[in-house]
C-alpha cells in the first residue's frame, strides 16, 4: 500500500474501490473529450444536437462527485467500462 497516500485503507480494500471509481470517471471524461475532438471543432456546427449533448454531459460529469449515480449513467450511455 505504499503507492497509495491512504495506505492504511488499502488493507480494507477501500482504496482500490475509490481508485476504480476515479478511473471510471476519468475514462468517461476521456471518451467525451475524444468524441468532441473526432466530431470536429466546436465552432463547426454549433447547433449539432449530439455535440451539445456531449458538452452538457461533460459539464455535468465535471460537476458531480466520483460516486454520484450520474457517473454510472454516463458510463452506460457512452459504453465506458
PDB file of N, CA and C in Angstrom:
ATOM      1  N   UNK A   1       0.773  -1.204   0.000  1.00  0.00           N
ATOM      2  CA  UNK A   1       0.000   0.000   0.000  1.00  0.00           C
ATOM      3  C   UNK A   1       0.816   1.272   0.000  1.00  0.00           C
ATOM      4  N   UNK A   2       2.126   1.191  -0.270  1.00  0.00           N
ATOM      5  CA  UNK A   2       2.965   2.394  -0.206  1.00  0.00           C
ATOM      6  C   UNK A   2       2.642   3.378  -1.333  1.00  0.00           C
ATOM      7  N   UNK A   3       2.168   2.877  -2.480  1.00  0.00           N
ATOM      8  CA  UNK A   3       1.893   3.789  -3.588  1.00  0.00           C
ATOM      9  C   UNK A   3       0.636   4.608  -3.357  1.00  0.00           C
ATOM     10  N   UNK A   4      -0.188   4.225  -2.396  1.00  0.00           N
ATOM     11  CA  UNK A   4      -1.407   4.964  -2.081  1.00  0.00           C
ATOM     12  C   UNK A   4      -1.157   5.923  -0.927  1.00  0.00           C
ATOM     13  N   UNK A   5      -1.630   7.149  -1.041  1.00  0.00           N
ATOM     14  CA  UNK A   5      -1.493   8.070   0.087  1.00  0.00           C
ATOM     15  C   UNK A   5      -2.291   7.586   1.295  1.00  0.00           C
ATOM     16  N   UNK A   6      -3.337   6.794   1.061  1.00  0.00           N
ATOM     17  CA  UNK A   6      -4.144   6.265   2.152  1.00  0.00           C
ATOM     18  C   UNK A   6      -3.809   4.793   2.357  1.00  0.00           C
ATOM     19  N   UNK A   7      -2.527   4.500   2.545  1.00  0.00           N
ATOM     20  CA  UNK A   7      -2.060   3.118   2.641  1.00  0.00           C
ATOM     21  C   UNK A   7      -2.778   2.312   3.696  1.00  0.00           C
ATOM     22  N   UNK A   8      -3.164   2.935   4.796  1.00  0.00           N
ATOM     23  CA  UNK A   8      -3.832   2.199   5.863  1.00  0.00           C
ATOM     24  C   UNK A   8      -5.206   1.694   5.446  1.00  0.00           C
ATOM     25  N   UNK A   9      -5.780   2.257   4.388  1.00  0.00           N
ATOM     26  CA  UNK A   9      -7.076   1.796   3.904  1.00  0.00           C
ATOM     27  C   UNK A   9      -6.943   0.671   2.891  1.00  0.00           C
ATOM     28  N   UNK A  10      -5.747   0.504   2.342  1.00  0.00           N
ATOM     29  CA  UNK A  10      -5.558  -0.491   1.287  1.00  0.00           C
ATOM     30  C   UNK A  10      -5.885  -1.888   1.792  1.00  0.00           C
ATOM     31  N   UNK A  11      -5.563  -2.169   3.060  1.00  0.00           N
ATOM     32  CA  UNK A  11      -5.827  -3.495   3.604  1.00  0.00           C
ATOM     33  C   UNK A  11      -7.319  -3.803   3.619  1.00  0.00           C
ATOM     34  N   UNK A  12      -8.120  -2.783   3.818  1.00  0.00           N
ATOM     35  CA  UNK A  12      -9.572  -2.980   3.860  1.00  0.00           C
ATOM     36  C   UNK A  12     -10.172  -3.019   2.453  1.00  0.00           C
ATOM     37  N   UNK A  13      -9.361  -2.767   1.440  1.00  0.00           N
ATOM     38  CA  UNK A  13      -9.843  -2.789   0.063  1.00  0.00           C
ATOM     39  C   UNK A  13     -10.561  -1.508  -0.327  1.00  0.00           C
ATOM     40  N   UNK A  14     -10.579  -0.526   0.547  1.00  0.00           N
ATOM     41  CA  UNK A  14     -11.314   0.704   0.265  1.00  0.00           C
ATOM     42  C   UNK A  14     -10.621   1.551  -0.791  1.00  0.00           C
ATOM     43  N   UNK A  15      -9.309   1.583  -0.734  1.00  0.00           N
ATOM     44  CA  UNK A  15      -8.568   2.423  -1.671  1.00  0.00           C
ATOM     45  C   UNK A  15      -8.776   1.949  -3.103  1.00  0.00           C
ATOM     46  N   UNK A  16      -8.753   0.632  -3.300  1.00  0.00           N
ATOM     47  CA  UNK A  16      -8.935   0.109  -4.657  1.00  0.00           C
ATOM     48  C   UNK A  16     -10.296   0.512  -5.206  1.00  0.00           C
ATOM     49  N   UNK A  17     -11.323   0.446  -4.374  1.00  0.00           N
ATOM     50  CA  UNK A  17     -12.663   0.815  -4.810  1.00  0.00           C
ATOM     51  C   UNK A  17     -12.683   2.286  -5.228  1.00  0.00           C
ATOM     52  N   UNK A  18     -12.077   3.140  -4.438  1.00  0.00           N
ATOM     53  CA  UNK A  18     -12.016   4.567  -4.764  1.00  0.00           C
ATOM     54  C   UNK A  18     -11.221   4.766  -6.044  1.00  0.00           C
ATOM     55  N   UNK A  19     -10.093   4.071  -6.177  1.00  0.00           N
ATOM     56  CA  UNK A  19      -9.264   4.191  -7.378  1.00  0.00           C
ATOM     57  C   UNK A  19     -10.074   3.788  -8.612  1.00  0.00           C
ATOM     58  N   UNK A  20     -10.827   2.699  -8.532  1.00  0.00           N
ATOM     59  CA  UNK A  20     -11.610   2.253  -9.678  1.00  0.00           C
ATOM     60  C   UNK A  20     -12.650   3.298 -10.055  1.00  0.00           C
ATOM     61  N   UNK A  21     -13.304   3.859  -9.048  1.00  0.00           N
ATOM     62  CA  UNK A  21     -14.336   4.844  -9.327  1.00  0.00           C
ATOM     63  C   UNK A  21     -13.711   6.071  -9.983  1.00  0.00           C
ATOM     64  N   UNK A  22     -12.562   6.495  -9.468  1.00  0.00           N
ATOM     65  CA  UNK A  22     -11.875   7.630 -10.072  1.00  0.00           C
ATOM     66  C   UNK A  22     -11.561   7.344 -11.525  1.00  0.00           C
ATOM     67  N   UNK A  23     -11.050   6.156 -11.791  1.00  0.00           N
ATOM     68  CA  UNK A  23     -10.638   5.869 -13.159  1.00  0.00           C
ATOM     69  C   UNK A  23     -11.854   5.728 -14.082  1.00  0.00           C
ATOM     70  N   UNK A  24     -12.994   5.297 -13.560  1.00  0.00           N
ATOM     71  CA  UNK A  24     -14.196   5.240 -14.399  1.00  0.00           C
ATOM     72  C   UNK A  24     -14.577   6.651 -14.834  1.00  0.00           C
ATOM     73  N   UNK A  25     -14.581   7.579 -13.892  1.00  0.00           N
ATOM     74  CA  UNK A  25     -14.919   8.963 -14.222  1.00  0.00           C
ATOM     75  C   UNK A  25     -13.906   9.519 -15.218  1.00  0.00           C
ATOM     76  N   UNK A  26     -12.622   9.206 -15.011  1.00  0.00           N
ATOM     77  CA  UNK A  26     -11.582   9.661 -15.936  1.00  0.00           C
ATOM     78  C   UNK A  26     -11.778   9.067 -17.325  1.00  0.00           C
ATOM     79  N   UNK A  27     -12.149   7.785 -17.383  1.00  0.00           N
ATOM     80  CA  UNK A  27     -12.351   7.148 -18.694  1.00  0.00           C
ATOM     81  C   UNK A  27     -13.548   7.766 -19.413  1.00  0.00           C
ATOM     82  N   UNK A  28     -14.605   8.085 -18.671  1.00  0.00           N
ATOM     83  CA  UNK A  28     -15.759   8.733 -19.291  1.00  0.00           C
ATOM     84  C   UNK A  28     -15.349  10.097 -19.835  1.00  0.00           C
ATOM     85  N   UNK A  29     -14.626  10.864 -19.004  1.00  0.00           N
ATOM     86  CA  UNK A  29     -14.178  12.199 -19.438  1.00  0.00           C
ATOM     87  C   UNK A  29     -13.318  12.076 -20.693  1.00  0.00           C
ATOM     88  N   UNK A  30     -12.390  11.119 -20.709  1.00  0.00           N
ATOM     89  CA  UNK A  30     -11.523  10.931 -21.884  1.00  0.00           C
ATOM     90  C   UNK A  30     -12.350  10.615 -23.125  1.00  0.00           C
ATOM     91  N   UNK A  31     -13.345   9.737 -22.962  1.00  0.00           N
ATOM     92  CA  UNK A  31     -14.154   9.360 -24.121  1.00  0.00           C
ATOM     93  C   UNK A  31     -14.959  10.559 -24.640  1.00  0.00           C
ATOM     94  N   UNK A  32     -15.524  11.349 -23.736  1.00  0.00           N
ATOM     95  CA  UNK A  32     -16.293  12.523 -24.162  1.00  0.00           C
ATOM     96  C   UNK A  32     -15.396  13.524 -24.882  1.00  0.00           C
ATOM     97  N   UNK A  33     -14.213  13.759 -24.336  1.00  0.00           N
ATOM     98  CA  UNK A  33     -13.280  14.700 -24.977  1.00  0.00           C
ATOM     99  C   UNK A  33     -12.846  14.182 -26.340  1.00  0.00           C
ATOM    100  N   UNK A  34     -12.610  12.867 -26.420  1.00  0.00           N
ATOM    101  CA  UNK A  34     -12.225  12.255 -27.699  1.00  0.00           C
ATOM    102  C   UNK A  34     -13.355  12.422 -28.714  1.00  0.00           C
ATOM    103  N   UNK A  35     -14.581  12.221 -28.260  1.00  0.00           N
ATOM    104  CA  UNK A  35     -15.736  12.345 -29.161  1.00  0.00           C
ATOM    105  C   UNK A  35     -15.857  13.777 -29.686  1.00  0.00           C
ATOM    106  N   UNK A  36     -15.626  14.749 -28.823  1.00  0.00           N
ATOM    107  CA  UNK A  36     -15.686  16.146 -29.262  1.00  0.00           C
ATOM    108  C   UNK A  36     -14.604  16.427 -30.300  1.00  0.00           C
ATOM    109  N   UNK A  37     -13.420  15.897 -30.068  1.00  0.00           N
ATOM    110  CA  UNK A  37     -12.304  16.104 -30.995  1.00  0.00           C
ATOM    111  C   UNK A  37     -12.595  15.455 -32.348  1.00  0.00           C
ATOM    112  N   UNK A  38     -13.116  14.214 -32.302  1.00  0.00           N
ATOM    113  CA  UNK A  38     -13.382  13.484 -33.545  1.00  0.00           C
ATOM    114  C   UNK A  38     -14.543  14.096 -34.318  1.00  0.00           C
ATOM    115  N   UNK A  39     -15.497  14.703 -33.615  1.00  0.00           N
ATOM    116  CA  UNK A  39     -16.664  15.275 -34.289  1.00  0.00           C
ATOM    117  C   UNK A  39     -16.373  16.635 -34.896  1.00  0.00           C
ATOM    118  N   UNK A  40     -15.160  17.110 -34.743  1.00  0.00           N
ATOM    119  CA  UNK A  40     -14.772  18.365 -35.376  1.00  0.00           C
ATOM    120  C   UNK A  40     -14.663  19.502 -34.383  1.00  0.00           C
ATOM    121  N   UNK A  41     -14.169  20.625 -34.848  1.00  0.00           N
ATOM    122  CA  UNK A  41     -14.008  21.782 -33.971  1.00  0.00           C
ATOM    123  C   UNK A  41     -15.353  22.243 -33.424  1.00  0.00           C
ATOM    124  N   UNK A  42     -15.326  22.805 -32.243  1.00  0.00           N
ATOM    125  CA  UNK A  42     -16.561  23.222 -31.578  1.00  0.00           C
ATOM    126  C   UNK A  42     -17.357  24.203 -32.436  1.00  0.00           C
ATOM    127  N   UNK A  43     -16.704  25.029 -33.197  1.00  0.00           N
ATOM    128  CA  UNK A  43     -17.400  26.031 -33.983  1.00  0.00           C
ATOM    129  C   UNK A  43     -17.974  25.519 -35.291  1.00  0.00           C
ATOM    130  N   UNK A  44     -17.698  24.272 -35.652  1.00  0.00           N
ATOM    131  CA  UNK A  44     -18.110  23.739 -36.945  1.00  0.00           C
ATOM    132  C   UNK A  44     -19.625  23.799 -37.122  1.00  0.00           C
ATOM    133  N   UNK A  45     -20.352  23.127 -36.239  1.00  0.00           N
ATOM    134  CA  UNK A  45     -21.810  23.151 -36.295  1.00  0.00           C
ATOM    135  C   UNK A  45     -22.325  23.337 -34.884  1.00  0.00           C
ATOM    136  N   UNK A  46     -22.409  24.567 -34.435  1.00  0.00           N
ATOM    137  CA  UNK A  46     -22.801  24.799 -33.044  1.00  0.00           C
ATOM    138  C   UNK A  46     -24.199  24.300 -32.708  1.00  0.00           C
ATOM    139  N   UNK A  47     -25.032  24.069 -33.730  1.00  0.00           N
ATOM    140  CA  UNK A  47     -26.401  23.613 -33.478  1.00  0.00           C
ATOM    141  C   UNK A  47     -26.508  22.091 -33.456  1.00  0.00           C
ATOM    142  N   UNK A  48     -25.397  21.382 -33.684  1.00  0.00           N
ATOM    143  CA  UNK A  48     -25.413  19.920 -33.716  1.00  0.00           C
ATOM    144  C   UNK A  48     -25.869  19.385 -32.357  1.00  0.00           C
ATOM    145  N   UNK A  49     -27.046  18.755 -32.295  1.00  0.00           N
ATOM    146  CA  UNK A  49     -27.585  18.300 -31.008  1.00  0.00           C
ATOM    147  C   UNK A  49     -26.681  17.284 -30.312  1.00  0.00           C
ATOM    148  N   UNK A  50     -25.958  16.469 -31.109  1.00  0.00           N
ATOM    149  CA  UNK A  50     -25.075  15.480 -30.490  1.00  0.00           C
ATOM    150  C   UNK A  50     -23.924  16.160 -29.767  1.00  0.00           C
ATOM    151  N   UNK A  51     -23.336  17.170 -30.404  1.00  0.00           N
ATOM    152  CA  UNK A  51     -22.240  17.892 -29.754  1.00  0.00           C
ATOM    153  C   UNK A  51     -22.734  18.613 -28.505  1.00  0.00           C
ATOM    154  N   UNK A  52     -23.909  19.225 -28.601  1.00  0.00           N
ATOM    155  CA  UNK A  52     -24.482  19.928 -27.450  1.00  0.00           C
ATOM    156  C   UNK A  52     -24.678  18.946 -26.297  1.00  0.00           C
ATOM    157  N   UNK A  53     -25.162  17.744 -26.610  1.00  0.00           N
ATOM    158  CA  UNK A  53     -25.397  16.719 -25.599  1.00  0.00           C
ATOM    159  C   UNK A  53     -24.092  16.262 -24.955  1.00  0.00           C
ATOM    160  N   UNK A  54     -23.059  16.059 -25.779  1.00  0.00           N
ATOM    161  CA  UNK A  54     -21.765  15.623 -25.251  1.00  0.00           C
ATOM    162  C   UNK A  54     -21.178  16.708 -24.348  1.00  0.00           C
ATOM    163  N   UNK A  55     -21.252  17.951 -24.769  1.00  0.00           N
ATOM    164  CA  UNK A  55     -20.733  19.059 -23.960  1.00  0.00           C
ATOM    165  C   UNK A  55     -21.501  19.141 -22.641  1.00  0.00           C
ATOM    166  N   UNK A  56     -22.822  19.004 -22.698  1.00  0.00           N
ATOM    167  CA  UNK A  56     -23.644  19.058 -21.479  1.00  0.00           C
ATOM    168  C   UNK A  56     -23.285  17.913 -20.535  1.00  0.00           C
ATOM    169  N   UNK A  57     -23.087  16.710 -21.100  1.00  0.00           N
ATOM    170  CA  UNK A  57     -22.726  15.562 -20.270  1.00  0.00           C
ATOM    171  C   UNK A  57     -21.348  15.756 -19.643  1.00  0.00           C
ATOM    172  N   UNK A  58     -20.420  16.321 -20.405  1.00  0.00           N
ATOM    173  CA  UNK A  58     -19.075  16.573 -19.885  1.00  0.00           C
ATOM    174  C   UNK A  58     -19.130  17.575 -18.732  1.00  0.00           C
ATOM    175  N   UNK A  59     -19.905  18.628 -18.900  1.00  0.00           N
ATOM    176  CA  UNK A  59     -20.046  19.623 -17.835  1.00  0.00           C
ATOM    177  C   UNK A  59     -20.705  19.006 -16.609  1.00  0.00           C
ATOM    178  N   UNK A  60     -21.719  18.169 -16.820  1.00  0.00           N
ATOM    179  CA  UNK A  60     -22.394  17.503 -15.700  1.00  0.00           C
ATOM    180  C   UNK A  60     -21.415  16.576 -14.983  1.00  0.00           C
ATOM    181  N   UNK A  61     -20.631  15.817 -15.750  1.00  0.00           N
ATOM    182  CA  UNK A  61     -19.651  14.901 -15.166  1.00  0.00           C
ATOM    183  C   UNK A  61     -18.658  15.649 -14.296  1.00  0.00           C
ATOM    184  N   UNK A  62     -18.192  16.794 -14.796  1.00  0.00           N
ATOM    185  CA  UNK A  62     -17.205  17.574 -14.050  1.00  0.00           C
ATOM    186  C   UNK A  62     -17.786  18.202 -12.788  1.00  0.00           C
ATOM    187  N   UNK A  63     -19.115  18.284 -12.702  1.00  0.00           N
ATOM    188  CA  UNK A  63     -19.723  18.978 -11.563  1.00  0.00           C
ATOM    189  C   UNK A  63     -20.181  18.038 -10.455  1.00  0.00           C
ATOM    190  N   UNK A  64     -20.038  16.720 -10.649  1.00  0.00           N
ATOM    191  CA  UNK A  64     -20.501  15.779  -9.628  1.00  0.00           C
ATOM    192  C   UNK A  64     -19.324  15.062  -8.975  1.00  0.00           C
ATOM    193  N   UNK A  65     -19.594  14.497  -7.806  1.00  0.00           N
ATOM    194  CA  UNK A  65     -18.586  13.705  -7.099  1.00  0.00           C
ATOM    195  C   UNK A  65     -18.371  12.384  -7.830  1.00  0.00           C
ATOM    196  N   UNK A  66     -17.236  11.744  -7.538  1.00  0.00           N
ATOM    197  CA  UNK A  66     -16.888  10.493  -8.214  1.00  0.00           C
ATOM    198  C   UNK A  66     -17.903   9.389  -7.965  1.00  0.00           C
ATOM    199  N   UNK A  67     -18.595   9.437  -6.823  1.00  0.00           N
ATOM    200  CA  UNK A  67     -19.539   8.369  -6.505  1.00  0.00           C
ATOM    201  C   UNK A  67     -20.987   8.744  -6.821  1.00  0.00           C
ATOM    202  N   UNK A  68     -21.176   9.831  -7.564  1.00  0.00           N
ATOM    203  CA  UNK A  68     -22.526  10.250  -7.944  1.00  0.00           C
ATOM    204  C   UNK A  68     -23.116   9.233  -8.928  1.00  0.00           C
ATOM    205  N   UNK A  69     -24.410   8.937  -8.804  1.00  0.00           N
ATOM    206  CA  UNK A  69     -25.052   7.986  -9.737  1.00  0.00           C
ATOM    207  C   UNK A  69     -24.926   8.411 -11.205  1.00  0.00           C
ATOM    208  N   UNK A  70     -24.773   9.703 -11.446  1.00  0.00           N
ATOM    209  CA  UNK A  70     -24.635  10.187 -12.823  1.00  0.00           C
ATOM    210  C   UNK A  70     -23.416   9.570 -13.513  1.00  0.00           C
ATOM    211  N   UNK A  71     -22.352   9.320 -12.755  1.00  0.00           N
ATOM    212  CA  UNK A  71     -21.145   8.723 -13.335  1.00  0.00           C
ATOM    213  C   UNK A  71     -21.492   7.375 -13.961  1.00  0.00           C
ATOM    214  N   UNK A  72     -22.256   6.553 -13.220  1.00  0.00           N
ATOM    215  CA  UNK A  72     -22.675   5.247 -13.744  1.00  0.00           C
ATOM    216  C   UNK A  72     -23.593   5.412 -14.955  1.00  0.00           C
ATOM    217  N   UNK A  73     -24.502   6.379 -14.910  1.00  0.00           N
ATOM    218  CA  UNK A  73     -25.420   6.609 -16.030  1.00  0.00           C
ATOM    219  C   UNK A  73     -24.649   6.973 -17.295  1.00  0.00           C
ATOM    220  N   UNK A  74     -23.671   7.865 -17.144  1.00  0.00           N
ATOM    221  CA  UNK A  74     -22.892   8.276 -18.315  1.00  0.00           C
ATOM    222  C   UNK A  74     -22.029   7.127 -18.823  1.00  0.00           C
ATOM    223  N   UNK A  75     -21.528   6.314 -17.912  1.00  0.00           N
ATOM    224  CA  UNK A  75     -20.744   5.143 -18.326  1.00  0.00           C
ATOM    225  C   UNK A  75     -21.594   4.243 -19.211  1.00  0.00           C
ATOM    226  N   UNK A  76     -22.845   4.050 -18.820  1.00  0.00           N
ATOM    227  CA  UNK A  76     -23.753   3.229 -19.621  1.00  0.00           C
ATOM    228  C   UNK A  76     -24.091   3.877 -20.948  1.00  0.00           C
ATOM    229  N   UNK A  77     -24.329   5.175 -20.921  1.00  0.00           N
ATOM    230  CA  UNK A  77     -24.705   5.892 -22.134  1.00  0.00           C
ATOM    231  C   UNK A  77     -23.592   5.860 -23.166  1.00  0.00           C
ATOM    232  N   UNK A  78     -22.353   6.005 -22.705  1.00  0.00           N
ATOM    233  CA  UNK A  78     -21.222   6.069 -23.640  1.00  0.00           C
ATOM    234  C   UNK A  78     -20.444   4.761 -23.716  1.00  0.00           C
ATOM    235  N   UNK A  79     -21.008   3.715 -23.118  1.00  0.00           N
ATOM    236  CA  UNK A  79     -20.400   2.383 -23.167  1.00  0.00           C
ATOM    237  C   UNK A  79     -18.945   2.403 -22.668  1.00  0.00           C
ATOM    238  N   UNK A  80     -18.748   3.011 -21.503  1.00  0.00           N
ATOM    239  CA  UNK A  80     -17.426   3.044 -20.866  1.00  0.00           C
ATOM    240  C   UNK A  80     -17.461   2.065 -19.701  1.00  0.00           C
ATOM    241  N   UNK A  81     -16.471   1.153 -19.668  1.00  0.00           N
ATOM    242  CA  UNK A  81     -16.464   0.143 -18.601  1.00  0.00           C
ATOM    243  C   UNK A  81     -15.190   0.214 -17.790  1.00  0.00           C
TER     244      UNK A  81
END
